[in-house]
Structures are given as structure tokens and as C-alpha cells.
Amino acid sequence: RIASFRTKASKPVERLLLELSFIEKAITLSEILLYNEAHI
């Protein structure tokens, strides 16, 4: 499982949240934005 994190959609990815295990399977992807373009 991977979640990419950026402060805004217009900014580059700053962090990756990762979940790893001994089991190999398809990776679940998601994205988290800290702020919308109005800085909320």
C-alpha cells in the first residue's frame, strides 16, 4: 500500500506512506492532499 502526500495538487509529492509485508500482492495506491487551492 502506498499513499503519496503533497501539500497542494500543484505541488510535487513530498512524502510516501508505505505499508510492507512478507506477502507479495497488487499495490493499493492513493493520494492525500494537505490543502486545497484555497489553503484550507
PDB file of all heavy atoms in Angstrom:
ATOM      1  N   ARG A   1       0.844  -1.190   0.000  1.00  0.00           N
ATOM      2  CA  ARG A   1       0.000   0.000   0.000  1.00  0.00           C
ATOM      3  C   ARG A   1       0.880   1.241   0.000  1.00  0.00           C
ATOM      4  O   ARG A   1       1.865   1.311   0.740  1.00  0.00           O
ATOM      5  CB  ARG A   1      -0.909  -0.011   1.244  1.00  0.00           C
ATOM      6  CG  ARG A   1      -2.048   0.978   1.216  1.00  0.00           C
ATOM      7  CD  ARG A   1      -3.137   0.616   2.235  1.00  0.00           C
ATOM      8  NE  ARG A   1      -2.693   0.661   3.599  1.00  0.00           N
ATOM      9  CZ  ARG A   1      -3.110   1.557   4.503  1.00  0.00           C
ATOM     10  NH1 ARG A   1      -3.983   2.484   4.164  1.00  0.00           N
ATOM     11  NH2 ARG A   1      -2.674   1.505   5.751  1.00  0.00           N
ATOM     12  N   ILE A   2       0.556   2.201  -0.862  1.00  0.00           N
ATOM     13  CA  ILE A   2       1.292   3.461  -0.956  1.00  0.00           C
ATOM     14  C   ILE A   2       0.298   4.611  -0.995  1.00  0.00           C
ATOM     15  O   ILE A   2      -0.656   4.597  -1.777  1.00  0.00           O
ATOM     16  CB  ILE A   2       2.169   3.532  -2.212  1.00  0.00           C
ATOM     17  CG1 ILE A   2       3.179   2.391  -2.273  1.00  0.00           C
ATOM     18  CG2 ILE A   2       2.906   4.878  -2.275  1.00  0.00           C
ATOM     19  CD1 ILE A   2       3.992   2.362  -3.561  1.00  0.00           C
ATOM     20  N   ALA A   3       0.536   5.612  -0.168  1.00  0.00           N
ATOM     21  CA  ALA A   3      -0.203   6.867  -0.260  1.00  0.00           C
ATOM     22  C   ALA A   3       0.807   7.981  -0.492  1.00  0.00           C
ATOM     23  O   ALA A   3       1.734   8.160   0.305  1.00  0.00           O
ATOM     24  CB  ALA A   3      -1.015   7.139   1.004  1.00  0.00           C
ATOM     25  N   SER A   4       0.672   8.689  -1.595  1.00  0.00           N
ATOM     26  CA  SER A   4       1.536   9.841  -1.841  1.00  0.00           C
ATOM     27  C   SER A   4       0.923  11.063  -1.181  1.00  0.00           C
ATOM     28  O   SER A   4      -0.304  11.220  -1.152  1.00  0.00           O
ATOM     29  CB  SER A   4       1.716  10.064  -3.340  1.00  0.00           C
ATOM     30  OG  SER A   4       0.468  10.255  -3.973  1.00  0.00           O
ATOM     31  N   PHE A   5       1.770  11.918  -0.639  1.00  0.00           N
ATOM     32  CA  PHE A   5       1.304  13.101   0.085  1.00  0.00           C
ATOM     33  C   PHE A   5       1.951  14.345  -0.494  1.00  0.00           C
ATOM     34  O   PHE A   5       3.155  14.381  -0.745  1.00  0.00           O
ATOM     35  CB  PHE A   5       1.649  12.989   1.569  1.00  0.00           C
ATOM     36  CG  PHE A   5       1.402  14.254   2.344  1.00  0.00           C
ATOM     37  CD1 PHE A   5       0.119  14.594   2.738  1.00  0.00           C
ATOM     38  CD2 PHE A   5       2.447  15.111   2.662  1.00  0.00           C
ATOM     39  CE1 PHE A   5      -0.124  15.759   3.449  1.00  0.00           C
ATOM     40  CE2 PHE A   5       2.216  16.281   3.364  1.00  0.00           C
ATOM     41  CZ  PHE A   5       0.931  16.609   3.763  1.00  0.00           C
ATOM     42  N   ARG A   6       1.120  15.352  -0.740  1.00  0.00           N
ATOM     43  CA  ARG A   6       1.614  16.652  -1.161  1.00  0.00           C
ATOM     44  C   ARG A   6       0.785  17.729  -0.475  1.00  0.00           C
ATOM     45  O   ARG A   6      -0.365  17.496  -0.113  1.00  0.00           O
ATOM     46  CB  ARG A   6       1.590  16.794  -2.683  1.00  0.00           C
ATOM     47  CG  ARG A   6       0.235  16.684  -3.319  1.00  0.00           C
ATOM     48  CD  ARG A   6       0.337  16.755  -4.851  1.00  0.00           C
ATOM     49  NE  ARG A   6       0.537  15.458  -5.446  1.00  0.00           N
ATOM     50  CZ  ARG A   6       1.095  15.262  -6.631  1.00  0.00           C
ATOM     51  NH1 ARG A   6       1.534  16.287  -7.328  1.00  0.00           N
ATOM     52  NH2 ARG A   6       1.235  14.048  -7.115  1.00  0.00           N
ATOM     53  N   THR A   7       1.385  18.910  -0.305  1.00  0.00           N
ATOM     54  CA  THR A   7       0.658  19.968   0.396  1.00  0.00           C
ATOM     55  C   THR A   7      -0.500  20.492  -0.438  1.00  0.00           C
ATOM     56  O   THR A   7      -1.559  20.806   0.093  1.00  0.00           O
ATOM     57  CB  THR A   7       1.602  21.126   0.772  1.00  0.00           C
ATOM     58  OG1 THR A   7       2.314  21.553  -0.393  1.00  0.00           O
ATOM     59  CG2 THR A   7       2.591  20.682   1.841  1.00  0.00           C
ATOM     60  N   LYS A   8      -0.301  20.596  -1.773  1.00  0.00           N
ATOM     61  CA  LYS A   8      -1.343  21.023  -2.702  1.00  0.00           C
ATOM     62  C   LYS A   8      -1.237  20.218  -3.987  1.00  0.00           C
ATOM     63  O   LYS A   8      -0.181  19.657  -4.290  1.00  0.00           O
ATOM     64  CB  LYS A   8      -1.226  22.520  -3.025  1.00  0.00           C
ATOM     65  CG  LYS A   8      -1.613  23.456  -1.906  1.00  0.00           C
ATOM     66  CD  LYS A   8      -1.577  24.899  -2.415  1.00  0.00           C
ATOM     67  CE  LYS A   8      -2.024  25.875  -1.352  1.00  0.00           C
ATOM     68  NZ  LYS A   8      -2.028  27.271  -1.865  1.00  0.00           N
ATOM     69  N   ALA A   9      -2.301  20.208  -4.758  1.00  0.00           N
ATOM     70  CA  ALA A   9      -2.291  19.474  -6.021  1.00  0.00           C
ATOM     71  C   ALA A   9      -1.245  20.036  -6.979  1.00  0.00           C
ATOM     72  O   ALA A   9      -0.702  19.306  -7.818  1.00  0.00           O
ATOM     73  CB  ALA A   9      -3.676  19.518  -6.663  1.00  0.00           C
ATOM     74  N   SER A  10      -0.947  21.320  -6.870  1.00  0.00           N
ATOM     75  CA  SER A  10       0.024  21.964  -7.750  1.00  0.00           C
ATOM     76  C   SER A  10       1.470  21.750  -7.302  1.00  0.00           C
ATOM     77  O   SER A  10       2.405  22.139  -8.007  1.00  0.00           O
ATOM     78  CB  SER A  10      -0.269  23.472  -7.819  1.00  0.00           C
ATOM     79  OG  SER A  10      -0.220  24.056  -6.530  1.00  0.00           O
ATOM     80  N   LYS A  11       1.664  21.138  -6.140  1.00  0.00           N
ATOM     81  CA  LYS A  11       2.998  20.904  -5.605  1.00  0.00           C
ATOM     82  C   LYS A  11       3.456  19.481  -5.908  1.00  0.00           C
ATOM     83  O   LYS A  11       2.639  18.582  -6.123  1.00  0.00           O
ATOM     84  CB  LYS A  11       2.999  21.122  -4.085  1.00  0.00           C
ATOM     85  CG  LYS A  11       2.616  22.527  -3.644  1.00  0.00           C
ATOM     86  CD  LYS A  11       3.684  23.527  -4.012  1.00  0.00           C
ATOM     87  CE  LYS A  11       3.361  24.890  -3.430  1.00  0.00           C
ATOM     88  NZ  LYS A  11       4.401  25.901  -3.754  1.00  0.00           N
ATOM     89  N   PRO A  12       4.774  19.234  -5.914  1.00  0.00           N
ATOM     90  CA  PRO A  12       5.264  17.870  -6.110  1.00  0.00           C
ATOM     91  C   PRO A  12       4.984  16.994  -4.890  1.00  0.00           C
ATOM     92  O   PRO A  12       4.721  17.495  -3.796  1.00  0.00           O
ATOM     93  CB  PRO A  12       6.773  18.066  -6.306  1.00  0.00           C
ATOM     94  CG  PRO A  12       7.081  19.340  -5.597  1.00  0.00           C
ATOM     95  CD  PRO A  12       5.870  20.215  -5.788  1.00  0.00           C
ATOM     96  N   VAL A  13       5.058  15.682  -5.076  1.00  0.00           N
ATOM     97  CA  VAL A  13       4.904  14.746  -3.959  1.00  0.00           C
ATOM     98  C   VAL A  13       6.050  14.945  -2.973  1.00  0.00           C
ATOM     99  O   VAL A  13       7.216  14.978  -3.358  1.00  0.00           O
ATOM    100  CB  VAL A  13       4.881  13.287  -4.467  1.00  0.00           C
ATOM    101  CG1 VAL A  13       4.911  12.303  -3.299  1.00  0.00           C
ATOM    102  CG2 VAL A  13       3.648  13.053  -5.339  1.00  0.00           C
ATOM    103  N   GLU A  14       5.709  15.089  -1.692  1.00  0.00           N
ATOM    104  CA  GLU A  14       6.713  15.330  -0.658  1.00  0.00           C
ATOM    105  C   GLU A  14       7.007  14.101   0.186  1.00  0.00           C
ATOM    106  O   GLU A  14       8.113  13.933   0.698  1.00  0.00           O
ATOM    107  CB  GLU A  14       6.251  16.466   0.254  1.00  0.00           C
ATOM    108  CG  GLU A  14       6.080  17.788  -0.474  1.00  0.00           C
ATOM    109  CD  GLU A  14       5.541  18.879   0.428  1.00  0.00           C
ATOM    110  OE1 GLU A  14       5.748  18.792   1.660  1.00  0.00           O
ATOM    111  OE2 GLU A  14       4.908  19.811  -0.093  1.00  0.00           O
ATOM    112  N   ARG A  15       6.008  13.254   0.380  1.00  0.00           N
ATOM    113  CA  ARG A  15       6.173  12.070   1.215  1.00  0.00           C
ATOM    114  C   ARG A  15       5.468  10.876   0.588  1.00  0.00           C
ATOM    115  O   ARG A  15       4.483  11.017  -0.152  1.00  0.00           O
ATOM    116  CB  ARG A  15       5.574  12.288   2.619  1.00  0.00           C
ATOM    117  CG  ARG A  15       6.238  13.403   3.415  1.00  0.00           C
ATOM    118  CD  ARG A  15       7.591  12.973   3.952  1.00  0.00           C
ATOM    119  NE  ARG A  15       8.120  13.974   4.866  1.00  0.00           N
ATOM    120  CZ  ARG A  15       8.902  14.996   4.509  1.00  0.00           C
ATOM    121  NH1 ARG A  15       9.213  15.153   3.225  1.00  0.00           N
ATOM    122  NH2 ARG A  15       9.367  15.846   5.407  1.00  0.00           N
ATOM    123  N   LEU A  16       5.950   9.688   0.946  1.00  0.00           N
ATOM    124  CA  LEU A  16       5.256   8.441   0.651  1.00  0.00           C
ATOM    125  C   LEU A  16       4.958   7.738   1.961  1.00  0.00           C
ATOM    126  O   LEU A  16       5.851   7.560   2.795  1.00  0.00           O
ATOM    127  CB  LEU A  16       6.109   7.522  -0.234  1.00  0.00           C
ATOM    128  CG  LEU A  16       6.410   7.974  -1.651  1.00  0.00           C
ATOM    129  CD1 LEU A  16       7.283   6.929  -2.347  1.00  0.00           C
ATOM    130  CD2 LEU A  16       5.139   8.214  -2.449  1.00  0.00           C
ATOM    131  N   LEU A  17       3.705   7.363   2.165  1.00  0.00           N
ATOM    132  CA  LEU A  17       3.334   6.497   3.271  1.00  0.00           C
ATOM    133  C   LEU A  17       3.320   5.077   2.727  1.00  0.00           C
ATOM    134  O   LEU A  17       2.666   4.799   1.718  1.00  0.00           O
ATOM    135  CB  LEU A  17       1.973   6.881   3.837  1.00  0.00           C
ATOM    136  CG  LEU A  17       1.918   8.230   4.537  1.00  0.00           C
ATOM    137  CD1 LEU A  17       1.166   9.234   3.675  1.00  0.00           C
ATOM    138  CD2 LEU A  17       1.247   8.118   5.884  1.00  0.00           C
ATOM    139  N   LEU A  18       4.029   4.181   3.402  1.00  0.00           N
ATOM    140  CA  LEU A  18       4.242   2.834   2.886  1.00  0.00           C
ATOM    141  C   LEU A  18       3.795   1.775   3.886  1.00  0.00           C
ATOM    142  O   LEU A  18       4.052   1.890   5.082  1.00  0.00           O
ATOM    143  CB  LEU A  18       5.730   2.613   2.571  1.00  0.00           C
ATOM    144  CG  LEU A  18       6.423   3.635   1.674  1.00  0.00           C
ATOM    145  CD1 LEU A  18       7.908   3.314   1.581  1.00  0.00           C
ATOM    146  CD2 LEU A  18       5.786   3.644   0.287  1.00  0.00           C
ATOM    147  N   GLU A  19       3.160   0.744   3.365  1.00  0.00           N
ATOM    148  CA  GLU A  19       2.856  -0.460   4.138  1.00  0.00           C
ATOM    149  C   GLU A  19       3.499  -1.629   3.423  1.00  0.00           C
ATOM    150  O   GLU A  19       3.255  -1.854   2.235  1.00  0.00           O
ATOM    151  CB  GLU A  19       1.358  -0.674   4.232  1.00  0.00           C
ATOM    152  CG  GLU A  19       0.969  -1.956   4.970  1.00  0.00           C
ATOM    153  CD  GLU A  19      -0.526  -2.211   4.893  1.00  0.00           C
ATOM    154  OE1 GLU A  19      -1.268  -1.587   5.657  1.00  0.00           O
ATOM    155  OE2 GLU A  19      -0.936  -3.037   4.045  1.00  0.00           O
ATOM    156  N   LEU A  20       4.343  -2.369   4.138  1.00  0.00           N
ATOM    157  CA  LEU A  20       5.060  -3.504   3.557  1.00  0.00           C
ATOM    158  C   LEU A  20       4.806  -4.761   4.381  1.00  0.00           C
ATOM    159  O   LEU A  20       4.580  -4.699   5.589  1.00  0.00           O
ATOM    160  CB  LEU A  20       6.565  -3.241   3.494  1.00  0.00           C
ATOM    161  CG  LEU A  20       7.010  -1.991   2.727  1.00  0.00           C
ATOM    162  CD1 LEU A  20       7.266  -0.846   3.695  1.00  0.00           C
ATOM    163  CD2 LEU A  20       8.252  -2.265   1.892  1.00  0.00           C
ATOM    164  N   SER A  21       4.865  -5.917   3.702  1.00  0.00           N
ATOM    165  CA  SER A  21       4.684  -7.191   4.391  1.00  0.00           C
ATOM    166  C   SER A  21       5.478  -8.264   3.669  1.00  0.00           C
ATOM    167  O   SER A  21       6.098  -8.014   2.630  1.00  0.00           O
ATOM    168  CB  SER A  21       3.202  -7.573   4.449  1.00  0.00           C
ATOM    169  OG  SER A  21       2.759  -8.057   3.195  1.00  0.00           O
ATOM    170  N   PHE A  22       5.437  -9.477   4.220  1.00  0.00           N
ATOM    171  CA  PHE A  22       6.099 -10.606   3.575  1.00  0.00           C
ATOM    172  C   PHE A  22       5.279 -11.172   2.420  1.00  0.00           C
ATOM    173  O   PHE A  22       5.736 -12.073   1.719  1.00  0.00           O
ATOM    174  CB  PHE A  22       6.333 -11.723   4.606  1.00  0.00           C
ATOM    175  CG  PHE A  22       7.293 -11.333   5.699  1.00  0.00           C
ATOM    176  CD1 PHE A  22       6.855 -11.203   7.010  1.00  0.00           C
ATOM    177  CD2 PHE A  22       8.623 -11.097   5.436  1.00  0.00           C
ATOM    178  CE1 PHE A  22       7.719 -10.843   8.033  1.00  0.00           C
ATOM    179  CE2 PHE A  22       9.511 -10.735   6.438  1.00  0.00           C
ATOM    180  CZ  PHE A  22       9.055 -10.618   7.748  1.00  0.00           C
ATOM    181  N   ILE A  23       4.082 -10.650   2.231  1.00  0.00           N
ATOM    182  CA  ILE A  23       3.163 -11.156   1.206  1.00  0.00           C
ATOM    183  C   ILE A  23       3.211 -10.244  -0.012  1.00  0.00           C
ATOM    184  O   ILE A  23       2.958  -9.041   0.087  1.00  0.00           O
ATOM    185  CB  ILE A  23       1.727 -11.226   1.748  1.00  0.00           C
ATOM    186  CG1 ILE A  23       1.679 -12.094   3.015  1.00  0.00           C
ATOM    187  CG2 ILE A  23       0.766 -11.759   0.696  1.00  0.00           C
ATOM    188  CD1 ILE A  23       0.389 -11.994   3.786  1.00  0.00           C
ATOM    189  N   GLU A  24       3.530 -10.800  -1.154  1.00  0.00           N
ATOM    190  CA  GLU A  24       3.605 -10.019  -2.390  1.00  0.00           C
ATOM    191  C   GLU A  24       2.234 -10.005  -3.057  1.00  0.00           C
ATOM    192  O   GLU A  24       1.673 -11.050  -3.362  1.00  0.00           O
ATOM    193  CB  GLU A  24       4.648 -10.604  -3.342  1.00  0.00           C
ATOM    194  CG  GLU A  24       4.930  -9.749  -4.545  1.00  0.00           C
ATOM    195  CD  GLU A  24       6.088 -10.262  -5.383  1.00  0.00           C
ATOM    196  OE1 GLU A  24       6.529 -11.403  -5.137  1.00  0.00           O
ATOM    197  OE2 GLU A  24       6.542  -9.523  -6.275  1.00  0.00           O
ATOM    198  N   LYS A  25       1.694  -8.826  -3.276  1.00  0.00           N
ATOM    199  CA  LYS A  25       0.379  -8.683  -3.900  1.00  0.00           C
ATOM    200  C   LYS A  25       0.283  -7.340  -4.600  1.00  0.00           C
ATOM    201  O   LYS A  25       1.209  -6.517  -4.524  1.00  0.00           O
ATOM    202  CB  LYS A  25      -0.728  -8.822  -2.849  1.00  0.00           C
ATOM    203  CG  LYS A  25      -0.638  -7.869  -1.678  1.00  0.00           C
ATOM    204  CD  LYS A  25      -1.700  -8.187  -0.635  1.00  0.00           C
ATOM    205  CE  LYS A  25      -1.586  -7.280   0.586  1.00  0.00           C
ATOM    206  NZ  LYS A  25      -2.594  -7.617   1.623  1.00  0.00           N
ATOM    207  N   ALA A  26      -0.828  -7.115  -5.287  1.00  0.00           N
ATOM    208  CA  ALA A  26      -1.015  -5.863  -6.001  1.00  0.00           C
ATOM    209  C   ALA A  26      -0.985  -4.684  -5.030  1.00  0.00           C
ATOM    210  O   ALA A  26      -1.537  -4.760  -3.932  1.00  0.00           O
ATOM    211  CB  ALA A  26      -2.335  -5.885  -6.762  1.00  0.00           C
ATOM    212  N   ILE A  27      -0.341  -3.603  -5.454  1.00  0.00           N
ATOM    213  CA  ILE A  27      -0.193  -2.428  -4.596  1.00  0.00           C
ATOM    214  C   ILE A  27      -1.436  -1.546  -4.680  1.00  0.00           C
ATOM    215  O   ILE A  27      -1.923  -1.241  -5.768  1.00  0.00           O
ATOM    216  CB  ILE A  27       1.045  -1.620  -5.005  1.00  0.00           C
ATOM    217  CG1 ILE A  27       2.314  -2.468  -4.870  1.00  0.00           C
ATOM    218  CG2 ILE A  27       1.169  -0.360  -4.150  1.00  0.00           C
ATOM    219  CD1 ILE A  27       3.566  -1.778  -5.378  1.00  0.00           C
ATOM    220  N   THR A  28      -1.946  -1.151  -3.526  1.00  0.00           N
ATOM    221  CA  THR A  28      -3.053  -0.204  -3.449  1.00  0.00           C
ATOM    222  C   THR A  28      -2.486   1.206  -3.387  1.00  0.00           C
ATOM    223  O   THR A  28      -1.686   1.518  -2.502  1.00  0.00           O
ATOM    224  CB  THR A  28      -3.917  -0.479  -2.205  1.00  0.00           C
ATOM    225  OG1 THR A  28      -4.430  -1.803  -2.265  1.00  0.00           O
ATOM    226  CG2 THR A  28      -5.070   0.505  -2.127  1.00  0.00           C
ATOM    227  N   LEU A  29      -2.900   2.061  -4.326  1.00  0.00           N
ATOM    228  CA  LEU A  29      -2.377   3.418  -4.426  1.00  0.00           C
ATOM    229  C   LEU A  29      -3.432   4.454  -4.052  1.00  0.00           C
ATOM    230  O   LEU A  29      -4.607   4.292  -4.373  1.00  0.00           O
ATOM    231  CB  LEU A  29      -1.894   3.702  -5.847  1.00  0.00           C
ATOM    232  CG  LEU A  29      -0.787   2.798  -6.404  1.00  0.00           C
ATOM    233  CD1 LEU A  29      -0.555   3.099  -7.872  1.00  0.00           C
ATOM    234  CD2 LEU A  29       0.501   2.977  -5.613  1.00  0.00           C
ATOM    235  N   SER A  30      -3.007   5.514  -3.383  1.00  0.00           N
ATOM    236  CA  SER A  30      -3.907   6.624  -3.064  1.00  0.00           C
ATOM    237  C   SER A  30      -3.086   7.895  -2.943  1.00  0.00           C
ATOM    238  O   SER A  30      -1.849   7.861  -2.977  1.00  0.00           O
ATOM    239  CB  SER A  30      -4.681   6.354  -1.776  1.00  0.00           C
ATOM    240  OG  SER A  30      -3.787   6.237  -0.673  1.00  0.00           O
ATOM    241  N   GLU A  31      -3.765   9.021  -2.804  1.00  0.00           N
ATOM    242  CA  GLU A  31      -3.081  10.299  -2.644  1.00  0.00           C
ATOM    243  C   GLU A  31      -3.783  11.119  -1.575  1.00  0.00           C
ATOM    244  O   GLU A  31      -5.013  11.094  -1.462  1.00  0.00           O
ATOM    245  CB  GLU A  31      -3.044  11.077  -3.948  1.00  0.00           C
ATOM    246  CG  GLU A  31      -2.314  12.407  -3.826  1.00  0.00           C
ATOM    247  CD  GLU A  31      -2.090  13.099  -5.152  1.00  0.00           C
ATOM    248  OE1 GLU A  31      -1.088  12.763  -5.824  1.00  0.00           O
ATOM    249  OE2 GLU A  31      -2.918  13.962  -5.512  1.00  0.00           O
ATOM    250  N   ILE A  32      -2.991  11.840  -0.793  1.00  0.00           N
ATOM    251  CA  ILE A  32      -3.514  12.712   0.253  1.00  0.00           C
ATOM    252  C   ILE A  32      -3.006  14.124  -0.001  1.00  0.00           C
ATOM    253  O   ILE A  32      -1.795  14.337  -0.139  1.00  0.00           O
ATOM    254  CB  ILE A  32      -3.063  12.242   1.646  1.00  0.00           C
ATOM    255  CG1 ILE A  32      -3.496  10.794   1.903  1.00  0.00           C
ATOM    256  CG2 ILE A  32      -3.623  13.167   2.727  1.00  0.00           C
ATOM    257  CD1 ILE A  32      -2.836  10.177   3.129  1.00  0.00           C
ATOM    258  N   LEU A  33      -3.913  15.077  -0.070  1.00  0.00           N
ATOM    259  CA  LEU A  33      -3.558  16.483  -0.169  1.00  0.00           C
ATOM    260  C   LEU A  33      -3.771  17.137   1.190  1.00  0.00           C
ATOM    261  O   LEU A  33      -4.797  16.915   1.838  1.00  0.00           O
ATOM    262  CB  LEU A  33      -4.420  17.198  -1.210  1.00  0.00           C
ATOM    263  CG  LEU A  33      -4.311  16.741  -2.656  1.00  0.00           C
ATOM    264  CD1 LEU A  33      -5.259  17.556  -3.525  1.00  0.00           C
ATOM    265  CD2 LEU A  33      -2.877  16.866  -3.164  1.00  0.00           C
ATOM    266  N   LEU A  34      -2.821  17.955   1.612  1.00  0.00           N
ATOM    267  CA  LEU A  34      -2.981  18.659   2.877  1.00  0.00           C
ATOM    268  C   LEU A  34      -3.968  19.822   2.731  1.00  0.00           C
ATOM    269  O   LEU A  34      -4.871  19.980   3.558  1.00  0.00           O
ATOM    270  CB  LEU A  34      -1.635  19.179   3.369  1.00  0.00           C
ATOM    271  CG  LEU A  34      -1.633  19.966   4.677  1.00  0.00           C
ATOM    272  CD1 LEU A  34      -2.217  19.137   5.818  1.00  0.00           C
ATOM    273  CD2 LEU A  34      -0.216  20.419   5.024  1.00  0.00           C
ATOM    274  N   TYR A  35      -3.815  20.605   1.685  1.00  0.00           N
ATOM    275  CA  TYR A  35      -4.669  21.765   1.474  1.00  0.00           C
ATOM    276  C   TYR A  35      -5.291  21.749   0.081  1.00  0.00           C
ATOM    277  O   TYR A  35      -4.699  21.222  -0.869  1.00  0.00           O
ATOM    278  CB  TYR A  35      -3.865  23.068   1.598  1.00  0.00           C
ATOM    279  CG  TYR A  35      -3.228  23.305   2.935  1.00  0.00           C
ATOM    280  CD1 TYR A  35      -1.845  23.319   3.071  1.00  0.00           C
ATOM    281  CD2 TYR A  35      -4.001  23.532   4.067  1.00  0.00           C
ATOM    282  CE1 TYR A  35      -1.246  23.553   4.297  1.00  0.00           C
ATOM    283  CE2 TYR A  35      -3.417  23.760   5.308  1.00  0.00           C
ATOM    284  CZ  TYR A  35      -2.030  23.771   5.412  1.00  0.00           C
ATOM    285  OH  TYR A  35      -1.453  23.994   6.626  1.00  0.00           O
ATOM    286  N   ASN A  36      -6.457  22.354  -0.033  1.00  0.00           N
ATOM    287  CA  ASN A  36      -6.983  22.640  -1.360  1.00  0.00           C
ATOM    288  C   ASN A  36      -6.346  23.953  -1.833  1.00  0.00           C
ATOM    289  O   ASN A  36      -5.529  24.551  -1.130  1.00  0.00           O
ATOM    290  CB  ASN A  36      -8.514  22.704  -1.361  1.00  0.00           C
ATOM    291  CG  ASN A  36      -9.056  23.781  -0.427  1.00  0.00           C
ATOM    292  OD1 ASN A  36      -8.411  24.801  -0.186  1.00  0.00           O
ATOM    293  ND2 ASN A  36     -10.253  23.556   0.097  1.00  0.00           N
ATOM    294  N   GLU A  37      -6.714  24.407  -3.019  1.00  0.00           N
ATOM    295  CA  GLU A  37      -6.046  25.590  -3.572  1.00  0.00           C
ATOM    296  C   GLU A  37      -6.352  26.865  -2.792  1.00  0.00           C
ATOM    297  O   GLU A  37      -5.676  27.874  -2.950  1.00  0.00           O
ATOM    298  CB  GLU A  37      -6.421  25.745  -5.046  1.00  0.00           C
ATOM    299  CG  GLU A  37      -5.839  24.642  -5.932  1.00  0.00           C
ATOM    300  CD  GLU A  37      -4.331  24.489  -5.792  1.00  0.00           C
ATOM    301  OE1 GLU A  37      -3.634  25.525  -5.745  1.00  0.00           O
ATOM    302  OE2 GLU A  37      -3.835  23.351  -5.719  1.00  0.00           O
ATOM    303  N   ALA A  38      -7.362  26.836  -1.965  1.00  0.00           N
ATOM    304  CA  ALA A  38      -7.672  27.988  -1.110  1.00  0.00           C
ATOM    305  C   ALA A  38      -6.921  27.923   0.214  1.00  0.00           C
ATOM    306  O   ALA A  38      -7.189  28.694   1.136  1.00  0.00           O
ATOM    307  CB  ALA A  38      -9.169  28.064  -0.862  1.00  0.00           C
ATOM    308  N   HIS A  39      -5.992  26.985   0.325  1.00  0.00           N
ATOM    309  CA  HIS A  39      -5.180  26.777   1.529  1.00  0.00           C
ATOM    310  C   HIS A  39      -6.043  26.418   2.744  1.00  0.00           C
ATOM    311  O   HIS A  39      -5.767  26.801   3.880  1.00  0.00           O
ATOM    312  CB  HIS A  39      -4.325  28.006   1.840  1.00  0.00           C
ATOM    313  CG  HIS A  39      -3.070  27.662   2.603  1.00  0.00           C
ATOM    314  ND1 HIS A  39      -2.000  26.987   2.036  1.00  0.00           N
ATOM    315  CD2 HIS A  39      -2.715  27.882   3.902  1.00  0.00           C
ATOM    316  CE1 HIS A  39      -1.061  26.813   2.933  1.00  0.00           C
ATOM    317  NE2 HIS A  39      -1.466  27.346   4.075  1.00  0.00           N
ATOM    318  N   ILE A  40      -7.084  25.670   2.476  1.00  0.00           N
ATOM    319  CA  ILE A  40      -7.951  25.117   3.518  1.00  0.00           C
ATOM    320  C   ILE A  40      -7.703  23.612   3.555  1.00  0.00           C
ATOM    321  O   ILE A  40      -7.561  22.988   2.505  1.00  0.00           O
ATOM    322  CB  ILE A  40      -9.433  25.399   3.199  1.00  0.00           C
ATOM    323  CG1 ILE A  40      -9.677  26.916   3.184  1.00  0.00           C
ATOM    324  CG2 ILE A  40     -10.359  24.724   4.203  1.00  0.00           C
ATOM    325  CD1 ILE A  40     -11.037  27.319   2.697  1.00  0.00           C
TER     326      ILE A  40
END
